[in-house]
């Protein structure tokens, strides 16, 4: 499980989520299916950890 104990850890996760958001609405809009799947797979791991933490 991912534990966000420090401000630096929280900032890192926030940054990754912001990067994902930016990519999705900029480059992701025109991305090929394989590229979307690769990015989704990588980011779902992070989101899954966050979901587990807050439930």
C-alpha atoms as a PDB file:
ATOM      1  CA  UNK A   1       0.000   0.000   0.000  1.00  0.00           C
ATOM      2  CA  UNK A   2       1.168   3.520  -0.796  1.00  0.00           C
ATOM      3  CA  UNK A   3       1.409   5.717   2.269  1.00  0.00           C
ATOM      4  CA  UNK A   4       1.728   9.441   1.792  1.00  0.00           C
ATOM      5  CA  UNK A   5       3.369  10.483   5.019  1.00  0.00           C
ATOM      6  CA  UNK A   6       5.316  13.519   3.948  1.00  0.00           C
ATOM      7  CA  UNK A   7       4.608  16.693   2.045  1.00  0.00           C
ATOM      8  CA  UNK A   8       7.154  15.581  -0.562  1.00  0.00           C
ATOM      9  CA  UNK A   9       5.329  12.288  -1.146  1.00  0.00           C
ATOM     10  CA  UNK A  10       1.982  14.051  -1.461  1.00  0.00           C
ATOM     11  CA  UNK A  11       3.492  16.588  -3.858  1.00  0.00           C
ATOM     12  CA  UNK A  12       4.958  13.784  -5.990  1.00  0.00           C
ATOM     13  CA  UNK A  13       1.596  12.031  -6.317  1.00  0.00           C
ATOM     14  CA  UNK A  14      -0.147  15.312  -7.039  1.00  0.00           C
ATOM     15  CA  UNK A  15       2.409  16.075  -9.735  1.00  0.00           C
ATOM     16  CA  UNK A  16       1.934  12.668 -11.371  1.00  0.00           C
ATOM     17  CA  UNK A  17      -1.832  13.098 -11.386  1.00  0.00           C
ATOM     18  CA  UNK A  18      -1.472  16.555 -12.937  1.00  0.00           C
ATOM     19  CA  UNK A  19       0.855  15.162 -15.611  1.00  0.00           C
ATOM     20  CA  UNK A  20      -1.682  12.451 -16.380  1.00  0.00           C
ATOM     21  CA  UNK A  21      -4.494  14.962 -16.653  1.00  0.00           C
ATOM     22  CA  UNK A  22      -2.442  17.197 -18.963  1.00  0.00           C
ATOM     23  CA  UNK A  23      -1.389  14.275 -21.161  1.00  0.00           C
ATOM     24  CA  UNK A  24      -4.933  12.936 -21.419  1.00  0.00           C
ATOM     25  CA  UNK A  25      -6.419  16.211 -22.607  1.00  0.00           C
ATOM     26  CA  UNK A  26      -3.489  17.231 -24.822  1.00  0.00           C
ATOM     27  CA  UNK A  27      -1.669  14.262 -26.342  1.00  0.00           C
ATOM     28  CA  UNK A  28      -4.026  11.509 -25.213  1.00  0.00           C
ATOM     29  CA  UNK A  29      -6.835  12.864 -27.327  1.00  0.00           C
ATOM     30  CA  UNK A  30      -4.922  11.840 -30.465  1.00  0.00           C
ATOM     31  CA  UNK A  31      -3.070   8.825 -29.062  1.00  0.00           C
ATOM     32  CA  UNK A  32      -3.239   5.347 -30.522  1.00  0.00           C
ATOM     33  CA  UNK A  33      -5.026   2.627 -28.570  1.00  0.00           C
ATOM     34  CA  UNK A  34      -1.800   0.924 -27.443  1.00  0.00           C
ATOM     35  CA  UNK A  35      -0.420   4.181 -26.073  1.00  0.00           C
ATOM     36  CA  UNK A  36      -3.676   4.868 -24.212  1.00  0.00           C
ATOM     37  CA  UNK A  37      -3.626   1.381 -22.712  1.00  0.00           C
ATOM     38  CA  UNK A  38      -0.011   1.741 -21.609  1.00  0.00           C
ATOM     39  CA  UNK A  39      -0.665   5.079 -19.913  1.00  0.00           C
ATOM     40  CA  UNK A  40      -3.924   3.876 -18.391  1.00  0.00           C
ATOM     41  CA  UNK A  41      -2.261   0.784 -16.958  1.00  0.00           C
ATOM     42  CA  UNK A  42       0.531   2.811 -15.385  1.00  0.00           C
ATOM     43  CA  UNK A  43      -1.822   5.396 -13.921  1.00  0.00           C
ATOM     44  CA  UNK A  44      -4.438   2.957 -12.694  1.00  0.00           C
ATOM     45  CA  UNK A  45      -1.844   1.521 -10.338  1.00  0.00           C
ATOM     46  CA  UNK A  46      -1.437   4.932  -8.722  1.00  0.00           C
ATOM     47  CA  UNK A  47      -5.182   5.559  -8.597  1.00  0.00           C
ATOM     48  CA  UNK A  48      -5.760   2.083  -7.151  1.00  0.00           C
ATOM     49  CA  UNK A  49      -3.362   2.782  -4.305  1.00  0.00           C
ATOM     50  CA  UNK A  50      -5.114   6.069  -3.577  1.00  0.00           C
ATOM     51  CA  UNK A  51      -8.528   4.404  -3.644  1.00  0.00           C
ATOM     52  CA  UNK A  52      -7.389   1.770  -1.156  1.00  0.00           C
ATOM     53  CA  UNK A  53      -5.962   4.426   1.139  1.00  0.00           C
ATOM     54  CA  UNK A  54      -9.149   6.447   1.399  1.00  0.00           C
ATOM     55  CA  UNK A  55     -11.663   3.609   1.690  1.00  0.00           C
END
